[in-house]
Amino acid sequence: MRETAEKRHNDWKKAIRKREIVHNVYPKDRDNKPTEFYDNLHQYSKNKIHCSCPMCSQKTNNKNRSGARGYEPSTNWSIADTRRIEEMEDQILDNE
């Protein structure tokens, strides 16, 4: 279990990050002030806010339309996972 202080700190970090996404991605209002989705910071940590950039919308097992046969899954491993897979394959080849 995490301590209450650590949980509060992590919630605060998530809320600040999500508020910055809202300020940078969404358009400003008439007075050139950043858009505010919520009144207080706590609501940002409890709700889902993301932009549509490739980093936020990237999925590992993406089902997109690829190939002539219709929908085929495409795997998009993260860099860390790709390295782990290559290391495991090298270990398998070394043991044989």
PDB file of N, CA and C in Angstrom:
ATOM      1  N   MET A   1       0.828  -1.184   0.000  1.00  0.00           N
ATOM      2  CA  MET A   1       0.000   0.000   0.000  1.00  0.00           C
ATOM      3  C   MET A   1       0.879   1.257   0.000  1.00  0.00           C
ATOM      4  N   ARG A   2       0.407   2.247  -0.668  1.00  0.00           N
ATOM      5  CA  ARG A   2       1.115   3.511  -0.702  1.00  0.00           C
ATOM      6  C   ARG A   2       0.640   4.395   0.442  1.00  0.00           C
ATOM      7  N   GLU A   3       1.539   5.258   0.864  1.00  0.00           N
ATOM      8  CA  GLU A   3       1.155   6.194   1.902  1.00  0.00           C
ATOM      9  C   GLU A   3       0.234   7.258   1.319  1.00  0.00           C
ATOM     10  N   THR A   4      -0.521   7.877   2.184  1.00  0.00           N
ATOM     11  CA  THR A   4      -1.469   8.893   1.738  1.00  0.00           C
ATOM     12  C   THR A   4      -0.750  10.081   1.108  1.00  0.00           C
ATOM     13  N   ALA A   5       0.387  10.458   1.650  1.00  0.00           N
ATOM     14  CA  ALA A   5       1.130  11.594   1.120  1.00  0.00           C
ATOM     15  C   ALA A   5       1.632  11.301  -0.296  1.00  0.00           C
ATOM     16  N   GLU A   6       2.087  10.072  -0.526  1.00  0.00           N
ATOM     17  CA  GLU A   6       2.571   9.704  -1.860  1.00  0.00           C
ATOM     18  C   GLU A   6       1.423   9.695  -2.872  1.00  0.00           C
ATOM     19  N   LYS A   7       0.269   9.181  -2.458  1.00  0.00           N
ATOM     20  CA  LYS A   7      -0.897   9.170  -3.339  1.00  0.00           C
ATOM     21  C   LYS A   7      -1.346  10.590  -3.676  1.00  0.00           C
ATOM     22  N   ARG A   8      -1.375  11.467  -2.688  1.00  0.00           N
ATOM     23  CA  ARG A   8      -1.746  12.859  -2.941  1.00  0.00           C
ATOM     24  C   ARG A   8      -0.765  13.535  -3.888  1.00  0.00           C
ATOM     25  N   HIS A   9       0.515  13.253  -3.697  1.00  0.00           N
ATOM     26  CA  HIS A   9       1.530  13.852  -4.562  1.00  0.00           C
ATOM     27  C   HIS A   9       1.369  13.366  -6.004  1.00  0.00           C
ATOM     28  N   ASN A  10       1.126  12.073  -6.187  1.00  0.00           N
ATOM     29  CA  ASN A  10       0.942  11.538  -7.537  1.00  0.00           C
ATOM     30  C   ASN A  10      -0.314  12.099  -8.185  1.00  0.00           C
ATOM     31  N   ASP A  11      -1.392  12.236  -7.407  1.00  0.00           N
ATOM     32  CA  ASP A  11      -2.617  12.835  -7.943  1.00  0.00           C
ATOM     33  C   ASP A  11      -2.367  14.274  -8.365  1.00  0.00           C
ATOM     34  N   TRP A  12      -1.606  14.996  -7.581  1.00  0.00           N
ATOM     35  CA  TRP A  12      -1.280  16.384  -7.904  1.00  0.00           C
ATOM     36  C   TRP A  12      -0.473  16.455  -9.202  1.00  0.00           C
ATOM     37  N   LYS A  13       0.521  15.557  -9.356  1.00  0.00           N
ATOM     38  CA  LYS A  13       1.333  15.550 -10.582  1.00  0.00           C
ATOM     39  C   LYS A  13       0.473  15.260 -11.805  1.00  0.00           C
ATOM     40  N   LYS A  14      -0.414  14.280 -11.698  1.00  0.00           N
ATOM     41  CA  LYS A  14      -1.292  13.951 -12.822  1.00  0.00           C
ATOM     42  C   LYS A  14      -2.200  15.119 -13.169  1.00  0.00           C
ATOM     43  N   ALA A  15      -2.729  15.783 -12.149  1.00  0.00           N
ATOM     44  CA  ALA A  15      -3.642  16.899 -12.394  1.00  0.00           C
ATOM     45  C   ALA A  15      -2.921  18.054 -13.069  1.00  0.00           C
ATOM     46  N   ILE A  16      -1.709  18.353 -12.647  1.00  0.00           N
ATOM     47  CA  ILE A  16      -0.932  19.438 -13.271  1.00  0.00           C
ATOM     48  C   ILE A  16      -0.652  19.099 -14.731  1.00  0.00           C
ATOM     49  N   ARG A  17      -0.263  17.844 -15.016  1.00  0.00           N
ATOM     50  CA  ARG A  17       0.022  17.442 -16.387  1.00  0.00           C
ATOM     51  C   ARG A  17      -1.218  17.565 -17.264  1.00  0.00           C
ATOM     52  N   LYS A  18      -2.362  17.109 -16.763  1.00  0.00           N
ATOM     53  CA  LYS A  18      -3.587  17.169 -17.549  1.00  0.00           C
ATOM     54  C   LYS A  18      -4.042  18.606 -17.759  1.00  0.00           C
ATOM     55  N   ARG A  19      -3.866  19.461 -16.763  1.00  0.00           N
ATOM     56  CA  ARG A  19      -4.228  20.866 -16.934  1.00  0.00           C
ATOM     57  C   ARG A  19      -3.339  21.524 -17.984  1.00  0.00           C
ATOM     58  N   GLU A  20      -2.060  21.169 -18.011  1.00  0.00           N
ATOM     59  CA  GLU A  20      -1.160  21.709 -19.035  1.00  0.00           C
ATOM     60  C   GLU A  20      -1.559  21.229 -20.428  1.00  0.00           C
ATOM     61  N   ILE A  21      -2.009  19.983 -20.543  1.00  0.00           N
ATOM     62  CA  ILE A  21      -2.487  19.488 -21.833  1.00  0.00           C
ATOM     63  C   ILE A  21      -3.667  20.312 -22.296  1.00  0.00           C
ATOM     64  N   VAL A  22      -4.594  20.582 -21.389  1.00  0.00           N
ATOM     65  CA  VAL A  22      -5.769  21.384 -21.748  1.00  0.00           C
ATOM     66  C   VAL A  22      -5.335  22.783 -22.176  1.00  0.00           C
ATOM     67  N   HIS A  23      -4.395  23.383 -21.459  1.00  0.00           N
ATOM     68  CA  HIS A  23      -3.954  24.739 -21.791  1.00  0.00           C
ATOM     69  C   HIS A  23      -3.225  24.799 -23.123  1.00  0.00           C
ATOM     70  N   ASN A  24      -2.467  23.769 -23.462  1.00  0.00           N
ATOM     71  CA  ASN A  24      -1.651  23.810 -24.678  1.00  0.00           C
ATOM     72  C   ASN A  24      -2.358  23.298 -25.924  1.00  0.00           C
ATOM     73  N   VAL A  25      -3.288  22.373 -25.766  1.00  0.00           N
ATOM     74  CA  VAL A  25      -3.900  21.739 -26.922  1.00  0.00           C
ATOM     75  C   VAL A  25      -5.189  22.424 -27.341  1.00  0.00           C
ATOM     76  N   TYR A  26      -6.024  22.755 -26.372  1.00  0.00           N
ATOM     77  CA  TYR A  26      -7.341  23.289 -26.701  1.00  0.00           C
ATOM     78  C   TYR A  26      -7.271  24.801 -26.907  1.00  0.00           C
ATOM     79  N   PRO A  27      -8.158  25.357 -27.730  1.00  0.00           N
ATOM     80  CA  PRO A  27      -8.081  26.790 -28.055  1.00  0.00           C
ATOM     81  C   PRO A  27      -8.381  27.677 -26.851  1.00  0.00           C
ATOM     82  N   LYS A  28      -7.869  28.887 -26.938  1.00  0.00           N
ATOM     83  CA  LYS A  28      -8.083  29.852 -25.863  1.00  0.00           C
ATOM     84  C   LYS A  28      -9.418  30.551 -26.066  1.00  0.00           C
ATOM     85  N   ASP A  29      -9.964  31.121 -24.994  1.00  0.00           N
ATOM     86  CA  ASP A  29     -11.239  31.804 -25.122  1.00  0.00           C
ATOM     87  C   ASP A  29     -11.044  33.239 -25.618  1.00  0.00           C
ATOM     88  N   ARG A  30     -12.089  34.010 -25.610  1.00  0.00           N
ATOM     89  CA  ARG A  30     -12.076  35.339 -26.225  1.00  0.00           C
ATOM     90  C   ARG A  30     -11.047  36.280 -25.619  1.00  0.00           C
ATOM     91  N   ASP A  31     -10.821  36.187 -24.343  1.00  0.00           N
ATOM     92  CA  ASP A  31      -9.883  37.079 -23.663  1.00  0.00           C
ATOM     93  C   ASP A  31      -8.447  36.577 -23.736  1.00  0.00           C
ATOM     94  N   ASN A  32      -8.189  35.581 -24.577  1.00  0.00           N
ATOM     95  CA  ASN A  32      -6.871  34.964 -24.749  1.00  0.00           C
ATOM     96  C   ASN A  32      -6.393  34.290 -23.462  1.00  0.00           C
ATOM     97  N   LYS A  33      -7.344  33.816 -22.660  1.00  0.00           N
ATOM     98  CA  LYS A  33      -7.020  33.050 -21.459  1.00  0.00           C
ATOM     99  C   LYS A  33      -7.088  31.576 -21.807  1.00  0.00           C
ATOM    100  N   PRO A  34      -6.300  30.758 -21.150  1.00  0.00           N
ATOM    101  CA  PRO A  34      -6.351  29.325 -21.452  1.00  0.00           C
ATOM    102  C   PRO A  34      -7.703  28.728 -21.073  1.00  0.00           C
ATOM    103  N   THR A  35      -8.085  27.704 -21.816  1.00  0.00           N
ATOM    104  CA  THR A  35      -9.349  27.019 -21.567  1.00  0.00           C
ATOM    105  C   THR A  35      -9.265  26.269 -20.247  1.00  0.00           C
ATOM    106  N   GLU A  36     -10.308  26.370 -19.449  1.00  0.00           N
ATOM    107  CA  GLU A  36     -10.395  25.620 -18.198  1.00  0.00           C
ATOM    108  C   GLU A  36     -11.559  24.655 -18.302  1.00  0.00           C
ATOM    109  N   PHE A  37     -11.290  23.364 -18.177  1.00  0.00           N
ATOM    110  CA  PHE A  37     -12.366  22.372 -18.197  1.00  0.00           C
ATOM    111  C   PHE A  37     -13.067  22.299 -16.845  1.00  0.00           C
ATOM    112  N   TYR A  38     -12.303  22.444 -15.766  1.00  0.00           N
ATOM    113  CA  TYR A  38     -12.844  22.246 -14.425  1.00  0.00           C
ATOM    114  C   TYR A  38     -12.498  23.440 -13.545  1.00  0.00           C
ATOM    115  N   ASP A  39     -13.266  23.581 -12.461  1.00  0.00           N
ATOM    116  CA  ASP A  39     -13.063  24.698 -11.546  1.00  0.00           C
ATOM    117  C   ASP A  39     -11.849  24.500 -10.645  1.00  0.00           C
ATOM    118  N   ASN A  40     -11.641  23.276 -10.181  1.00  0.00           N
ATOM    119  CA  ASN A  40     -10.518  23.054  -9.273  1.00  0.00           C
ATOM    120  C   ASN A  40      -9.604  21.958  -9.819  1.00  0.00           C
ATOM    121  N   LEU A  41      -8.419  21.901  -9.268  1.00  0.00           N
ATOM    122  CA  LEU A  41      -7.376  21.006  -9.765  1.00  0.00           C
ATOM    123  C   LEU A  41      -7.696  19.537  -9.510  1.00  0.00           C
ATOM    124  N   HIS A  42      -8.421  19.227  -8.449  1.00  0.00           N
ATOM    125  CA  HIS A  42      -8.720  17.836  -8.098  1.00  0.00           C
ATOM    126  C   HIS A  42      -9.518  17.134  -9.194  1.00  0.00           C
ATOM    127  N   GLN A  43     -10.374  17.861  -9.885  1.00  0.00           N
ATOM    128  CA  GLN A  43     -11.192  17.244 -10.918  1.00  0.00           C
ATOM    129  C   GLN A  43     -10.351  16.778 -12.096  1.00  0.00           C
ATOM    130  N   TYR A  44      -9.225  17.417 -12.357  1.00  0.00           N
ATOM    131  CA  TYR A  44      -8.351  16.982 -13.433  1.00  0.00           C
ATOM    132  C   TYR A  44      -7.744  15.617 -13.132  1.00  0.00           C
ATOM    133  N   SER A  45      -7.410  15.339 -11.876  1.00  0.00           N
ATOM    134  CA  SER A  45      -6.748  14.067 -11.560  1.00  0.00           C
ATOM    135  C   SER A  45      -7.715  12.899 -11.627  1.00  0.00           C
ATOM    136  N   LYS A  46      -8.998  13.135 -11.522  1.00  0.00           N
ATOM    137  CA  LYS A  46      -9.970  12.053 -11.497  1.00  0.00           C
ATOM    138  C   LYS A  46     -10.631  11.793 -12.839  1.00  0.00           C
ATOM    139  N   ASN A  47     -10.415  12.629 -13.830  1.00  0.00           N
ATOM    140  CA  ASN A  47     -11.074  12.472 -15.113  1.00  0.00           C
ATOM    141  C   ASN A  47     -10.060  12.254 -16.216  1.00  0.00           C
ATOM    142  N   LYS A  48     -10.531  11.773 -17.361  1.00  0.00           N
ATOM    143  CA  LYS A  48      -9.649  11.425 -18.464  1.00  0.00           C
ATOM    144  C   LYS A  48      -9.503  12.612 -19.402  1.00  0.00           C
ATOM    145  N   ILE A  49      -8.301  13.105 -19.518  1.00  0.00           N
ATOM    146  CA  ILE A  49      -7.994  14.187 -20.449  1.00  0.00           C
ATOM    147  C   ILE A  49      -6.728  13.787 -21.179  1.00  0.00           C
ATOM    148  N   HIS A  50      -6.785  13.789 -22.479  1.00  0.00           N
ATOM    149  CA  HIS A  50      -5.606  13.495 -23.274  1.00  0.00           C
ATOM    150  C   HIS A  50      -5.728  14.229 -24.589  1.00  0.00           C
ATOM    151  N   CYS A  51      -4.622  14.469 -25.203  1.00  0.00           N
ATOM    152  CA  CYS A  51      -4.662  15.093 -26.519  1.00  0.00           C
ATOM    153  C   CYS A  51      -4.608  13.985 -27.567  1.00  0.00           C
ATOM    154  N   SER A  52      -4.691  14.346 -28.808  1.00  0.00           N
ATOM    155  CA  SER A  52      -4.699  13.334 -29.857  1.00  0.00           C
ATOM    156  C   SER A  52      -3.346  13.230 -30.550  1.00  0.00           C
ATOM    157  N   CYS A  53      -2.285  13.592 -29.839  1.00  0.00           N
ATOM    158  CA  CYS A  53      -0.955  13.472 -30.427  1.00  0.00           C
ATOM    159  C   CYS A  53      -0.574  11.990 -30.515  1.00  0.00           C
ATOM    160  N   PRO A  54       0.414  11.642 -31.308  1.00  0.00           N
ATOM    161  CA  PRO A  54       0.793  10.223 -31.435  1.00  0.00           C
ATOM    162  C   PRO A  54       1.230   9.585 -30.118  1.00  0.00           C
ATOM    163  N   MET A  55       1.817  10.365 -29.209  1.00  0.00           N
ATOM    164  CA  MET A  55       2.260   9.781 -27.951  1.00  0.00           C
ATOM    165  C   MET A  55       1.079   9.388 -27.066  1.00  0.00           C
ATOM    166  N   CYS A  56       0.010  10.198 -27.078  1.00  0.00           N
ATOM    167  CA  CYS A  56      -1.150   9.902 -26.231  1.00  0.00           C
ATOM    168  C   CYS A  56      -2.053   8.852 -26.856  1.00  0.00           C
ATOM    169  N   SER A  57      -2.143   8.830 -28.169  1.00  0.00           N
ATOM    170  CA  SER A  57      -3.091   7.930 -28.816  1.00  0.00           C
ATOM    171  C   SER A  57      -2.450   6.622 -29.268  1.00  0.00           C
ATOM    172  N   GLN A  58      -1.200   6.422 -28.995  1.00  0.00           N
ATOM    173  CA  GLN A  58      -0.505   5.228 -29.450  1.00  0.00           C
ATOM    174  C   GLN A  58      -0.907   4.019 -28.609  1.00  0.00           C
ATOM    175  N   LYS A  59      -1.215   2.927 -29.265  1.00  0.00           N
ATOM    176  CA  LYS A  59      -1.605   1.695 -28.602  1.00  0.00           C
ATOM    177  C   LYS A  59      -0.627   0.588 -28.985  1.00  0.00           C
ATOM    178  N   THR A  60      -0.484  -0.401 -28.114  1.00  0.00           N
ATOM    179  CA  THR A  60       0.413  -1.519 -28.401  1.00  0.00           C
ATOM    180  C   THR A  60      -0.202  -2.453 -29.423  1.00  0.00           C
ATOM    181  N   ASN A  61      -1.409  -2.906 -29.191  1.00  0.00           N
ATOM    182  CA  ASN A  61      -2.093  -3.807 -30.115  1.00  0.00           C
ATOM    183  C   ASN A  61      -3.189  -3.021 -30.815  1.00  0.00           C
ATOM    184  N   ASN A  62      -2.830  -2.377 -31.893  1.00  0.00           N
ATOM    185  CA  ASN A  62      -3.751  -1.516 -32.603  1.00  0.00           C
ATOM    186  C   ASN A  62      -4.442  -2.300 -33.705  1.00  0.00           C
ATOM    187  N   LYS A  63      -5.759  -2.243 -33.737  1.00  0.00           N
ATOM    188  CA  LYS A  63      -6.513  -2.909 -34.788  1.00  0.00           C
ATOM    189  C   LYS A  63      -6.882  -1.865 -35.823  1.00  0.00           C
ATOM    190  N   ASN A  64      -6.065  -1.735 -36.823  1.00  0.00           N
ATOM    191  CA  ASN A  64      -6.345  -0.757 -37.874  1.00  0.00           C
ATOM    192  C   ASN A  64      -6.521  -1.469 -39.200  1.00  0.00           C
ATOM    193  N   ARG A  65      -6.997  -0.755 -40.164  1.00  0.00           N
ATOM    194  CA  ARG A  65      -7.213  -1.350 -41.471  1.00  0.00           C
ATOM    195  C   ARG A  65      -5.877  -1.404 -42.206  1.00  0.00           C
ATOM    196  N   SER A  66      -5.336  -2.593 -42.295  1.00  0.00           N
ATOM    197  CA  SER A  66      -4.060  -2.773 -42.992  1.00  0.00           C
ATOM    198  C   SER A  66      -4.148  -4.048 -43.819  1.00  0.00           C
ATOM    199  N   GLY A  67      -3.672  -3.990 -45.009  1.00  0.00           N
ATOM    200  CA  GLY A  67      -3.685  -5.166 -45.864  1.00  0.00           C
ATOM    201  C   GLY A  67      -4.989  -5.295 -46.631  1.00  0.00           C
ATOM    202  N   ALA A  68      -5.004  -6.212 -47.557  1.00  0.00           N
ATOM    203  CA  ALA A  68      -6.161  -6.385 -48.424  1.00  0.00           C
ATOM    204  C   ALA A  68      -7.255  -7.215 -47.762  1.00  0.00           C
ATOM    205  N   ARG A  69      -6.908  -7.945 -46.698  1.00  0.00           N
ATOM    206  CA  ARG A  69      -7.883  -8.831 -46.077  1.00  0.00           C
ATOM    207  C   ARG A  69      -8.732  -8.135 -45.021  1.00  0.00           C
ATOM    208  N   GLY A  70      -8.580  -6.860 -44.847  1.00  0.00           N
ATOM    209  CA  GLY A  70      -9.404  -6.150 -43.871  1.00  0.00           C
ATOM    210  C   GLY A  70      -8.617  -5.813 -42.621  1.00  0.00           C
ATOM    211  N   TYR A  71      -9.272  -5.946 -41.476  1.00  0.00           N
ATOM    212  CA  TYR A  71      -8.654  -5.552 -40.222  1.00  0.00           C
ATOM    213  C   TYR A  71      -7.711  -6.632 -39.729  1.00  0.00           C
ATOM    214  N   GLU A  72      -6.461  -6.263 -39.593  1.00  0.00           N
ATOM    215  CA  GLU A  72      -5.452  -7.150 -39.045  1.00  0.00           C
ATOM    216  C   GLU A  72      -4.754  -6.415 -37.920  1.00  0.00           C
ATOM    217  N   PRO A  73      -4.478  -7.095 -36.816  1.00  0.00           N
ATOM    218  CA  PRO A  73      -3.836  -6.397 -35.704  1.00  0.00           C
ATOM    219  C   PRO A  73      -2.394  -6.016 -36.042  1.00  0.00           C
ATOM    220  N   SER A  74      -2.021  -4.832 -35.644  1.00  0.00           N
ATOM    221  CA  SER A  74      -0.635  -4.410 -35.812  1.00  0.00           C
ATOM    222  C   SER A  74      -0.068  -4.143 -34.430  1.00  0.00           C
ATOM    223  N   THR A  75       1.067  -4.735 -34.137  1.00  0.00           N
ATOM    224  CA  THR A  75       1.676  -4.546 -32.827  1.00  0.00           C
ATOM    225  C   THR A  75       2.677  -3.414 -32.916  1.00  0.00           C
ATOM    226  N   ASN A  76       2.580  -2.506 -31.970  1.00  0.00           N
ATOM    227  CA  ASN A  76       3.443  -1.344 -31.918  1.00  0.00           C
ATOM    228  C   ASN A  76       4.075  -1.315 -30.534  1.00  0.00           C
ATOM    229  N   TRP A  77       5.155  -2.060 -30.363  1.00  0.00           N
ATOM    230  CA  TRP A  77       5.794  -2.184 -29.065  1.00  0.00           C
ATOM    231  C   TRP A  77       6.503  -0.887 -28.705  1.00  0.00           C
ATOM    232  N   SER A  78       6.565  -0.600 -27.410  1.00  0.00           N
ATOM    233  CA  SER A  78       7.345   0.542 -26.949  1.00  0.00           C
ATOM    234  C   SER A  78       8.829   0.211 -27.094  1.00  0.00           C
ATOM    235  N   ILE A  79       9.668   1.206 -26.968  1.00  0.00           N
ATOM    236  CA  ILE A  79      11.115   1.001 -27.146  1.00  0.00           C
ATOM    237  C   ILE A  79      11.655   0.051 -26.083  1.00  0.00           C
ATOM    238  N   ALA A  80      11.204   0.219 -24.842  1.00  0.00           N
ATOM    239  CA  ALA A  80      11.677  -0.656 -23.767  1.00  0.00           C
ATOM    240  C   ALA A  80      11.245  -2.096 -24.013  1.00  0.00           C
ATOM    241  N   ASP A  81       9.997  -2.292 -24.454  1.00  0.00           N
ATOM    242  CA  ASP A  81       9.529  -3.652 -24.735  1.00  0.00           C
ATOM    243  C   ASP A  81      10.278  -4.261 -25.914  1.00  0.00           C
ATOM    244  N   THR A  82      10.585  -3.461 -26.936  1.00  0.00           N
ATOM    245  CA  THR A  82      11.347  -3.960 -28.085  1.00  0.00           C
ATOM    246  C   THR A  82      12.717  -4.446 -27.652  1.00  0.00           C
ATOM    247  N   ARG A  83      13.375  -3.690 -26.780  1.00  0.00           N
ATOM    248  CA  ARG A  83      14.697  -4.099 -26.278  1.00  0.00           C
ATOM    249  C   ARG A  83      14.596  -5.401 -25.489  1.00  0.00           C
ATOM    250  N   ARG A  84      13.565  -5.532 -24.654  1.00  0.00           N
ATOM    251  CA  ARG A  84      13.397  -6.755 -23.867  1.00  0.00           C
ATOM    252  C   ARG A  84      13.172  -7.959 -24.772  1.00  0.00           C
ATOM    253  N   ILE A  85      12.363  -7.774 -25.792  1.00  0.00           N
ATOM    254  CA  ILE A  85      12.092  -8.884 -26.719  1.00  0.00           C
ATOM    255  C   ILE A  85      13.367  -9.296 -27.437  1.00  0.00           C
ATOM    256  N   GLU A  86      14.160  -8.322 -27.894  1.00  0.00           N
ATOM    257  CA  GLU A  86      15.418  -8.644 -28.568  1.00  0.00           C
ATOM    258  C   GLU A  86      16.388  -9.349 -27.629  1.00  0.00           C
ATOM    259  N   GLU A  87      16.456  -8.917 -26.371  1.00  0.00           N
ATOM    260  CA  GLU A  87      17.332  -9.580 -25.409  1.00  0.00           C
ATOM    261  C   GLU A  87      16.889 -11.023 -25.160  1.00  0.00           C
ATOM    262  N   MET A  88      15.582 -11.240 -25.073  1.00  0.00           N
ATOM    263  CA  MET A  88      15.087 -12.604 -24.865  1.00  0.00           C
ATOM    264  C   MET A  88      15.388 -13.488 -26.074  1.00  0.00           C
ATOM    265  N   GLU A  89      15.221 -12.937 -27.281  1.00  0.00           N
ATOM    266  CA  GLU A  89      15.551 -13.719 -28.475  1.00  0.00           C
ATOM    267  C   GLU A  89      17.026 -14.045 -28.546  1.00  0.00           C
ATOM    268  N   ASP A  90      17.891 -13.091 -28.148  1.00  0.00           N
ATOM    269  CA  ASP A  90      19.338 -13.361 -28.114  1.00  0.00           C
ATOM    270  C   ASP A  90      19.670 -14.442 -27.101  1.00  0.00           C
ATOM    271  N   GLN A  91      19.017 -14.437 -25.945  1.00  0.00           N
ATOM    272  CA  GLN A  91      19.275 -15.460 -24.936  1.00  0.00           C
ATOM    273  C   GLN A  91      18.846 -16.833 -25.447  1.00  0.00           C
ATOM    274  N   ILE A  92      17.733 -16.891 -26.171  1.00  0.00           N
ATOM    275  CA  ILE A  92      17.266 -18.167 -26.736  1.00  0.00           C
ATOM    276  C   ILE A  92      18.277 -18.687 -27.741  1.00  0.00           C
ATOM    277  N   LEU A  93      18.788 -17.803 -28.605  1.00  0.00           N
ATOM    278  CA  LEU A  93      19.763 -18.214 -29.623  1.00  0.00           C
ATOM    279  C   LEU A  93      21.080 -18.633 -28.989  1.00  0.00           C
ATOM    280  N   ASP A  94      21.491 -17.981 -27.892  1.00  0.00           N
ATOM    281  CA  ASP A  94      22.739 -18.340 -27.220  1.00  0.00           C
ATOM    282  C   ASP A  94      22.634 -19.708 -26.541  1.00  0.00           C
ATOM    283  N   ASN A  95      21.469 -20.061 -26.041  1.00  0.00           N
ATOM    284  CA  ASN A  95      21.300 -21.329 -25.353  1.00  0.00           C
ATOM    285  C   ASN A  95      21.221 -22.522 -26.307  1.00  0.00           C
ATOM    286  N   GLU A  96      20.929 -22.278 -27.556  1.00  0.00           N
ATOM    287  CA  GLU A  96      20.796 -23.385 -28.490  1.00  0.00           C
ATOM    288  C   GLU A  96      22.101 -23.875 -29.004  1.00  0.00           C
TER     289      GLU A  96
END
